[in-house]
C-alpha cells in the first residue's frame, strides 16, 4: 500500500490532490480496520454502521487500483452480515467487536443499500452483490417499519423495541437516498421493490414541502445540504436551498461549519457539501470548498483531522476520524467521475452500464 498504481492515476484532482495522496489517505482506513472487518472512527475507537459504510465506499474507490483496499472493503461489508440483528437493524455503537447499546438507528440500517449499490457499480461484482442482498433487504424493511403517520421515518428503535418519537430531516434524506439505491440494486439482481420507490417518493414530497414535520435541527449544516446530497431536492429548488443558507455555514478559506452558531469547520461536512454541489453541476464551487479544507490534511501521512475551531485556532476534536478521509475520497471521485460508483452521489445511475 501507499504507492499509486497506474490504474489509479485517473483518481486525482489536478492542482489539489494526486492519486498517490488519496491512496495514502485510504491507507489510514486499512490500518484502522479491526480484525473482524469493522472500520472504527479511529484506531481503538467505536464503530457505527453509517460511518463504517462510508469508509467501505472510499476503500472500494481506491480498491480499483490497490487490491488490499478492495479486500478491506469486502471485509467491511461482510462484517455487516455478521453483526446485523434479526430485525434487520444494527446496534448504534460497537466497541472492539461488541455492541454497547441496543438502540438501532434508521439511517444506520438504511445506508448499506447505498454502499452495496456503490460497490456493484464500481466493481461490477454481481456475485458479491447477490450475497449481500439480504443485508440490504432486511435493513430497508427495518427502516420502513419505522414509518410515521405521514410516511416520515422515525429516527430509531429503542432497546425496548419502541420507536422514536420524532423524525430528523438529515436521517430521512439519507433514507430517501438509500431506498432509491436499494430499489436500483434490487432491479439489477432481479428483486423488484416498488414499495421502496413509493416510500422514497413520499419522503421526497415531505422533504420538499413539509420541512416543518421534522425536528428542528436547522443549526446543523447537514440539515441544509443533505436533502440535496440524498437526491430529494434537485434542480432549481436545490440551487435555491444551497444559496439561501450559504453564508450561514460556509467560512471562506476554511470550509463548512458543522453548526451555524459555533466557530468550527469540519472536513467531512465540507466534503459532503462538495458531493451535493457535484450533483448540482456546480463543479468550480465544489472544488473551491474542497481546496479550502485542505488545511486539515496532515502532511505527514495524508490523514485528515476532523475539524478546526477557528476562534481558538486549534484542531478540534483532537482526532483523525476515518470517515473524514473517506468523505474527501468520495468527493474527489464524484468531481472527477473516475468510478461508476460516483453515480450514486450524482444520481445518474440509470445512465450507467449494467454489469
Protein backbone atom coordinates (compact mmCIF):
# COMPACT_ATOMS: atom_id res chain seq x y z
CA UNK A 1 0.00 0.00 0.00
CA UNK A 2 0.97 3.65 -0.25
CA UNK A 3 2.14 3.99 -3.85
CA UNK A 4 -0.40 4.72 -6.56
CA UNK A 5 -0.72 2.02 -9.18
CA UNK A 6 -1.07 3.21 -12.79
CA UNK A 7 -4.79 2.36 -12.74
CA UNK A 8 -5.32 4.95 -10.02
CA UNK A 9 -3.92 7.86 -11.97
CA UNK A 10 -7.41 8.94 -13.03
CA UNK A 11 -8.41 9.41 -9.38
CA UNK A 12 -6.88 12.80 -8.84
CA UNK A 13 -7.90 16.42 -8.76
CA UNK A 14 -5.22 18.28 -10.70
CA UNK A 15 -3.60 21.05 -8.71
CA UNK A 16 -5.16 19.83 -5.48
CA UNK A 17 -4.82 16.10 -4.77
CA UNK A 18 -2.84 13.44 -6.58
CA UNK A 19 -3.69 9.76 -6.84
CA UNK A 20 -0.84 8.88 -4.51
CA UNK A 21 -2.08 11.38 -1.90
CA UNK A 22 -5.59 9.95 -2.00
CA UNK A 23 -4.33 6.41 -1.65
CA UNK A 24 -2.24 7.46 1.35
CA UNK A 25 -5.43 8.79 2.92
CA UNK A 26 -7.17 5.47 2.26
CA UNK A 27 -4.22 3.55 3.72
CA UNK A 28 -5.24 5.01 7.08
CA UNK A 29 -8.63 3.32 6.80
CA UNK A 30 -6.96 -0.04 6.23
CA UNK A 31 -4.60 0.49 9.17
CA UNK A 32 -7.59 1.35 11.35
CA UNK A 33 -9.67 -1.68 10.34
CA UNK A 34 -10.20 -4.20 13.11
CA UNK A 35 -9.60 -7.95 12.64
CA UNK A 36 -13.33 -8.66 12.27
CA UNK A 37 -13.67 -6.08 9.46
CA UNK A 38 -15.10 -3.16 11.44
CA UNK A 39 -13.96 0.32 10.44
CA UNK A 40 -13.98 2.39 13.65
CA UNK A 41 -13.89 6.17 13.92
CA UNK A 42 -10.16 5.91 14.63
CA UNK A 43 -7.87 3.11 15.86
CA UNK A 44 -9.32 1.86 19.13
CA UNK A 45 -12.47 3.97 18.78
CA UNK A 46 -16.08 2.92 18.39
CA UNK A 47 -17.80 1.86 15.17
CA UNK A 48 -21.21 2.81 13.82
CA UNK A 49 -22.66 1.32 10.65
CA UNK A 50 -23.24 4.60 8.76
CA UNK A 51 -19.64 5.80 9.03
CA UNK A 52 -18.36 2.25 8.56
CA UNK A 53 -20.15 2.09 5.19
CA UNK A 54 -18.81 5.49 4.16
CA UNK A 55 -15.29 4.18 4.78
CA UNK A 56 -16.05 0.98 2.86
CA UNK A 57 -17.16 3.05 -0.15
CA UNK A 58 -13.91 5.04 -0.10
CA UNK A 59 -11.91 1.81 0.02
CA UNK A 60 -13.93 0.46 -2.91
CA UNK A 61 -12.90 3.54 -4.90
CA UNK A 62 -9.18 3.25 -4.16
CA UNK A 63 -9.52 -0.53 -4.40
CA UNK A 64 -9.81 -0.16 -8.17
CA UNK A 65 -6.05 0.39 -8.01
CA UNK A 66 -4.92 -1.20 -4.74
CA UNK A 67 -6.07 -4.82 -4.22
CA UNK A 68 -5.58 -4.61 -0.44
CA UNK A 69 -8.08 -1.75 -0.31
CA UNK A 70 -10.60 -3.73 -2.36
CA UNK A 71 -10.32 -6.67 0.02
CA UNK A 72 -10.64 -4.37 3.05
CA UNK A 73 -13.90 -3.04 1.57
CA UNK A 74 -15.28 -6.54 1.08
CA UNK A 75 -14.30 -7.47 4.64
CA UNK A 76 -16.15 -4.39 5.86
CA UNK A 77 -19.32 -5.41 4.05
CA UNK A 78 -19.06 -8.99 5.29
CA UNK A 79 -18.89 -7.55 8.82
CA UNK A 80 -22.39 -6.19 8.23
CA UNK A 81 -23.63 -9.73 7.61
CA UNK A 82 -22.30 -10.99 10.91
CA UNK A 83 -23.44 -8.10 13.10
CA UNK A 84 -26.98 -7.37 11.93
CA UNK A 85 -29.79 -8.24 14.31
CA UNK A 86 -32.77 -10.48 13.50
CA UNK A 87 -34.99 -7.42 12.92
CA UNK A 88 -32.62 -6.14 10.20
CA UNK A 89 -31.08 -3.29 12.20
CA UNK A 90 -27.70 -2.87 13.86
CA UNK A 91 -26.74 -1.64 17.32
CA UNK A 92 -25.92 2.05 17.10
CA UNK A 93 -22.45 1.59 18.54
CA UNK A 94 -19.83 -1.15 18.64
CA UNK A 95 -16.56 -1.14 20.53
CA UNK A 96 -13.80 -3.70 19.90
CA UNK A 97 -16.21 -6.17 18.38
CA UNK A 98 -19.01 -5.85 20.91
CA UNK A 99 -22.31 -3.97 20.73
CA UNK A 100 -22.52 -1.43 23.53
CA UNK A 101 -26.15 -0.36 23.07
CA UNK A 102 -29.43 -1.90 21.98
CA UNK A 103 -30.58 1.29 20.24
CA UNK A 104 -30.93 0.83 16.46
CA UNK A 105 -30.90 3.92 14.24
CA UNK A 106 -32.80 4.15 10.97
CA UNK A 107 -30.04 5.75 8.93
CA UNK A 108 -27.61 3.02 10.03
CA UNK A 109 -29.93 0.28 8.79
CA UNK A 110 -30.55 2.09 5.51
CA UNK A 111 -27.03 3.07 4.47
CA UNK A 112 -25.71 -0.39 3.49
CA UNK A 113 -28.04 -0.10 0.47
CA UNK A 114 -26.08 2.93 -0.72
CA UNK A 115 -22.73 1.29 -0.06
CA UNK A 116 -23.51 -2.03 -1.71
CA UNK A 117 -25.07 -0.41 -4.78
CA UNK A 118 -21.93 1.75 -4.97
CA UNK A 119 -19.83 -1.42 -4.74
CA UNK A 120 -21.73 -3.08 -7.59
CA UNK A 121 -21.44 -0.03 -9.84
CA UNK A 122 -17.73 0.33 -9.10
CA UNK A 123 -16.68 -3.31 -9.35
CA UNK A 124 -19.36 -4.99 -11.46
CA UNK A 125 -19.26 -7.88 -8.97
CA UNK A 126 -22.81 -9.19 -9.14
CA UNK A 127 -21.89 -12.31 -7.18
CA UNK A 128 -20.88 -10.26 -4.15
CA UNK A 129 -23.95 -8.05 -4.53
CA UNK A 130 -26.19 -11.12 -4.60
CA UNK A 131 -24.52 -12.49 -1.48
CA UNK A 132 -25.05 -9.20 0.34
CA UNK A 133 -28.62 -8.60 -0.88
CA UNK A 134 -30.24 -9.97 2.33
CA UNK A 135 -28.36 -7.28 4.29
CA UNK A 136 -29.90 -4.56 2.12
CA UNK A 137 -33.35 -6.16 2.06
CA UNK A 138 -33.67 -6.64 5.81
CA UNK A 139 -32.10 -3.26 6.58
CA UNK A 140 -34.58 -1.32 4.47
CA UNK A 141 -37.50 -3.35 5.80
CA UNK A 142 -36.36 -2.43 9.32
CA UNK A 143 -36.42 1.21 8.24
CA UNK A 144 -39.87 1.06 6.71
CA UNK A 145 -41.22 -0.42 9.92
CA UNK A 146 -40.33 2.95 11.50
CA UNK A 147 -42.68 4.97 9.27
CA UNK A 148 -44.79 7.60 10.95
CA UNK A 149 -48.32 8.59 10.00
CA UNK A 150 -47.22 10.81 7.10
CA UNK A 151 -44.59 8.44 5.73
CA UNK A 152 -41.68 10.07 7.55
CA UNK A 153 -39.10 7.75 9.11
CA UNK A 154 -38.79 7.92 12.88
CA UNK A 155 -35.15 8.21 13.80
CA UNK A 156 -34.58 4.98 15.79
CA UNK A 157 -35.93 1.98 17.64
CA UNK A 158 -35.07 1.89 21.32
CA UNK A 159 -33.69 -1.02 23.32
CA UNK A 160 -37.21 -1.90 24.49
CA UNK A 161 -38.48 -2.04 20.90
CA UNK A 162 -40.34 1.26 20.92
CA UNK A 163 -39.99 3.64 18.00
CA UNK A 164 -38.54 7.12 18.40
CA UNK A 165 -40.97 9.99 18.89
CA UNK A 166 -39.66 12.24 16.11
CA UNK A 167 -38.20 12.27 12.61
CA UNK A 168 -34.99 14.01 11.56
CA UNK A 169 -34.55 15.73 8.22
CA UNK A 170 -31.00 14.50 7.61
CA UNK A 171 -31.97 10.95 8.52
CA UNK A 172 -34.95 10.99 6.17
CA UNK A 173 -32.85 12.50 3.37
CA UNK A 174 -30.30 9.72 3.84
CA UNK A 175 -33.05 7.09 3.93
CA UNK A 176 -34.52 8.56 0.74
CA UNK A 177 -31.14 8.04 -0.93
CA UNK A 178 -30.88 4.50 0.42
CA UNK A 179 -34.36 3.49 -0.70
CA UNK A 180 -33.64 4.61 -4.25
CA UNK A 181 -30.25 2.88 -4.25
CA UNK A 182 -31.77 -0.27 -2.76
CA UNK A 183 -34.51 -0.35 -5.40
CA UNK A 184 -31.94 0.14 -8.18
CA UNK A 185 -29.72 -2.60 -6.73
CA UNK A 186 -32.68 -4.94 -6.42
CA UNK A 187 -33.70 -4.31 -10.02
CA UNK A 188 -30.23 -5.33 -11.17
CA UNK A 189 -30.41 -8.51 -9.12
CA UNK A 190 -33.95 -9.50 -10.07
CA UNK A 191 -35.57 -8.36 -6.83
CA UNK A 192 -38.06 -5.63 -7.66
CA UNK A 193 -39.11 -3.48 -4.72
CA UNK A 194 -41.67 -0.94 -6.00
CA UNK A 195 -42.72 -0.23 -2.41
CA UNK A 196 -39.25 1.17 -1.70
CA UNK A 197 -39.55 3.57 -4.62
CA UNK A 198 -43.01 4.62 -3.42
CA UNK A 199 -41.67 5.24 0.10
CA UNK A 200 -38.83 7.32 -1.34
CA UNK A 201 -41.32 9.34 -3.40
CA UNK A 202 -43.29 10.10 -0.22
CA UNK A 203 -40.15 11.18 1.61
CA UNK A 204 -39.19 13.47 -1.26
CA UNK A 205 -42.56 15.24 -1.02
CA UNK A 206 -42.24 15.65 2.75
CA UNK A 207 -38.67 16.96 2.48
CA UNK A 208 -39.58 19.46 -0.23
CA UNK A 209 -42.97 20.62 1.02
CA UNK A 210 -43.26 19.84 4.75
CA UNK A 211 -39.91 20.52 6.37
CA UNK A 212 -41.75 21.61 9.50
CA UNK A 213 -42.69 17.96 10.05
CA UNK A 214 -39.12 17.23 11.14
CA UNK A 215 -37.47 18.07 14.46
CA UNK A 216 -35.81 21.49 14.33
CA UNK A 217 -32.10 20.96 13.77
CA UNK A 218 -31.63 23.84 11.34
CA UNK A 219 -28.43 24.92 13.09
CA UNK A 220 -26.73 21.78 11.72
CA UNK A 221 -25.26 22.13 8.25
CA UNK A 222 -26.26 18.57 7.35
CA UNK A 223 -29.92 19.59 7.53
CA UNK A 224 -29.05 22.27 4.99
CA UNK A 225 -27.31 20.22 2.29
CA UNK A 226 -28.27 16.59 2.90
CA UNK A 227 -31.68 16.89 1.19
CA UNK A 228 -29.66 17.79 -1.93
CA UNK A 229 -26.94 15.18 -1.38
CA UNK A 230 -29.59 12.49 -0.88
CA UNK A 231 -31.36 13.43 -4.11
CA UNK A 232 -34.67 14.52 -2.62
CA UNK A 233 -34.20 18.20 -3.57
CA UNK A 234 -32.98 18.79 -7.11
CA UNK A 235 -32.84 21.31 -9.91
CA UNK A 236 -33.82 24.91 -9.19
CA UNK A 237 -35.01 24.02 -5.69
CA UNK A 238 -31.58 22.61 -4.85
CA UNK A 239 -29.79 25.72 -6.07
CA UNK A 240 -32.13 27.97 -4.11
CA UNK A 241 -31.71 25.91 -0.94
CA UNK A 242 -27.93 25.95 -1.13
CA UNK A 243 -27.74 29.66 -1.92
CA UNK A 244 -30.22 30.65 0.79
CA UNK A 245 -28.10 29.26 3.65
CA UNK A 246 -24.62 29.57 2.15
CA UNK A 247 -23.42 32.47 4.28
CA UNK A 248 -24.72 30.83 7.43
CA UNK A 249 -22.48 27.80 7.08
CA UNK A 250 -19.58 28.44 4.69
CA UNK A 251 -16.46 30.13 6.05
CA UNK A 252 -14.34 31.37 3.15
CA UNK A 253 -10.90 29.81 3.11
CA UNK A 254 -11.67 27.32 5.90
CA UNK A 255 -14.62 25.13 4.94
CA UNK A 256 -18.12 24.38 6.22
CA UNK A 257 -19.35 24.79 9.79
CA UNK A 258 -20.82 21.75 11.47
CA UNK A 259 -23.30 24.01 13.30
CA UNK A 260 -24.15 27.57 12.42
CA UNK A 261 -23.58 29.06 15.87
CA UNK A 262 -20.11 27.61 16.55
CA UNK A 263 -16.72 28.69 15.10
CA UNK A 264 -15.96 25.15 13.98
CA UNK A 265 -15.45 23.79 10.47
CA UNK A 266 -15.12 20.13 9.61
CA UNK A 267 -13.60 18.33 6.64
CA UNK A 268 -16.45 15.80 6.47
CA UNK A 269 -19.28 18.35 6.26
CA UNK A 270 -17.20 20.28 3.72
CA UNK A 271 -16.66 17.17 1.59
CA UNK A 272 -20.30 16.16 1.80
CA UNK A 273 -21.33 19.63 0.66
CA UNK A 274 -18.96 19.01 -2.25
CA UNK A 275 -20.95 15.86 -3.08
CA UNK A 276 -24.16 17.90 -3.10
CA UNK A 277 -22.57 20.58 -5.30
CA UNK A 278 -21.25 17.93 -7.68
CA UNK A 279 -24.77 16.53 -8.06
CA UNK A 280 -25.95 20.07 -8.88
CA UNK A 281 -23.24 20.52 -11.52
CA UNK A 282 -21.53 23.28 -9.50
CA UNK A 283 -18.03 21.96 -10.20
CA UNK A 284 -15.96 25.10 -9.68
CA UNK A 285 -17.64 25.96 -6.39
CA UNK A 286 -17.23 22.38 -5.20
CA UNK A 287 -13.50 22.38 -5.99
CA UNK A 288 -13.10 25.66 -4.11
CA UNK A 289 -14.72 24.20 -0.99
CA UNK A 290 -12.54 21.10 -1.16
CA UNK A 291 -9.46 23.28 -1.61
CA UNK A 292 -10.42 25.39 1.40
CA UNK A 293 -10.49 22.39 3.73
CA UNK A 294 -7.05 21.05 2.83
CA UNK A 295 -5.61 22.82 5.87
CA UNK A 296 -6.98 19.80 7.79
CA UNK A 297 -4.80 17.35 5.86
CA UNK A 298 -1.89 16.00 7.88
CA UNK A 299 1.16 16.46 5.66
CA UNK A 300 2.97 13.58 7.32
CA UNK A 301 0.65 10.78 6.23
CA UNK A 302 -2.25 12.32 4.29
CA UNK A 303 -4.85 11.74 7.00
CA UNK A 304 -7.49 14.41 7.68
CA UNK A 305 -8.17 15.90 11.08
CA UNK A 306 -11.86 16.01 11.93
CA UNK A 307 -12.21 19.77 12.41
CA UNK A 308 -10.80 23.19 13.21
CA UNK A 309 -12.01 25.63 15.88
CA UNK A 310 -11.09 28.89 14.21
CA UNK A 311 -11.80 31.23 17.13
CA UNK A 312 -9.19 29.40 19.21
CA UNK A 313 -7.16 28.45 16.12
CA UNK A 314 -6.86 24.81 17.15
CA UNK A 315 -7.74 21.47 15.62
CA UNK A 316 -10.77 20.10 17.43
CA UNK A 317 -11.57 17.47 18.37
CA UNK A 318 -8.02 16.18 18.56
CA UNK A 319 -8.77 13.15 16.43
CA UNK A 320 -8.41 12.00 12.85
CA UNK A 321 -11.70 10.30 12.05
CA UNK A 322 -11.60 7.63 9.35
CA UNK A 323 -14.87 8.79 7.84
CA UNK A 324 -13.41 12.26 7.30
CA UNK A 325 -10.69 10.94 5.00
CA UNK A 326 -13.33 8.72 3.37
CA UNK A 327 -15.57 11.71 2.64
CA UNK A 328 -12.70 13.52 0.91
CA UNK A 329 -12.02 10.49 -1.31
CA UNK A 330 -15.68 10.17 -2.26
CA UNK A 331 -15.86 13.89 -3.02
CA UNK A 332 -12.90 13.67 -5.39
CA UNK A 333 -14.43 10.65 -7.11
CA UNK A 334 -17.73 12.49 -7.61
CA UNK A 335 -15.97 15.57 -9.01
CA UNK A 336 -13.82 13.54 -11.40
CA UNK A 337 -16.37 10.80 -12.13
CA UNK A 338 -13.50 8.34 -12.02
CA UNK A 339 -15.54 5.30 -10.99
CA UNK A 340 -19.02 4.23 -11.97
CA UNK A 341 -19.78 4.28 -8.24
CA UNK A 342 -19.69 8.08 -8.31
CA UNK A 343 -23.11 7.90 -9.99
CA UNK A 344 -24.57 7.02 -6.59
CA UNK A 345 -23.85 10.59 -5.46
CA UNK A 346 -24.50 12.22 -8.82
CA UNK A 347 -27.88 10.43 -9.05
CA UNK A 348 -27.13 9.31 -12.61
CA UNK A 349 -27.08 5.54 -12.11
CA UNK A 350 -29.85 4.99 -14.64
CA UNK A 351 -27.30 6.04 -17.26
CA UNK A 352 -24.70 3.55 -16.03
CA UNK A 353 -23.88 0.37 -17.97
CA UNK A 354 -25.30 -2.76 -16.39
CA UNK A 355 -22.75 -5.26 -15.00
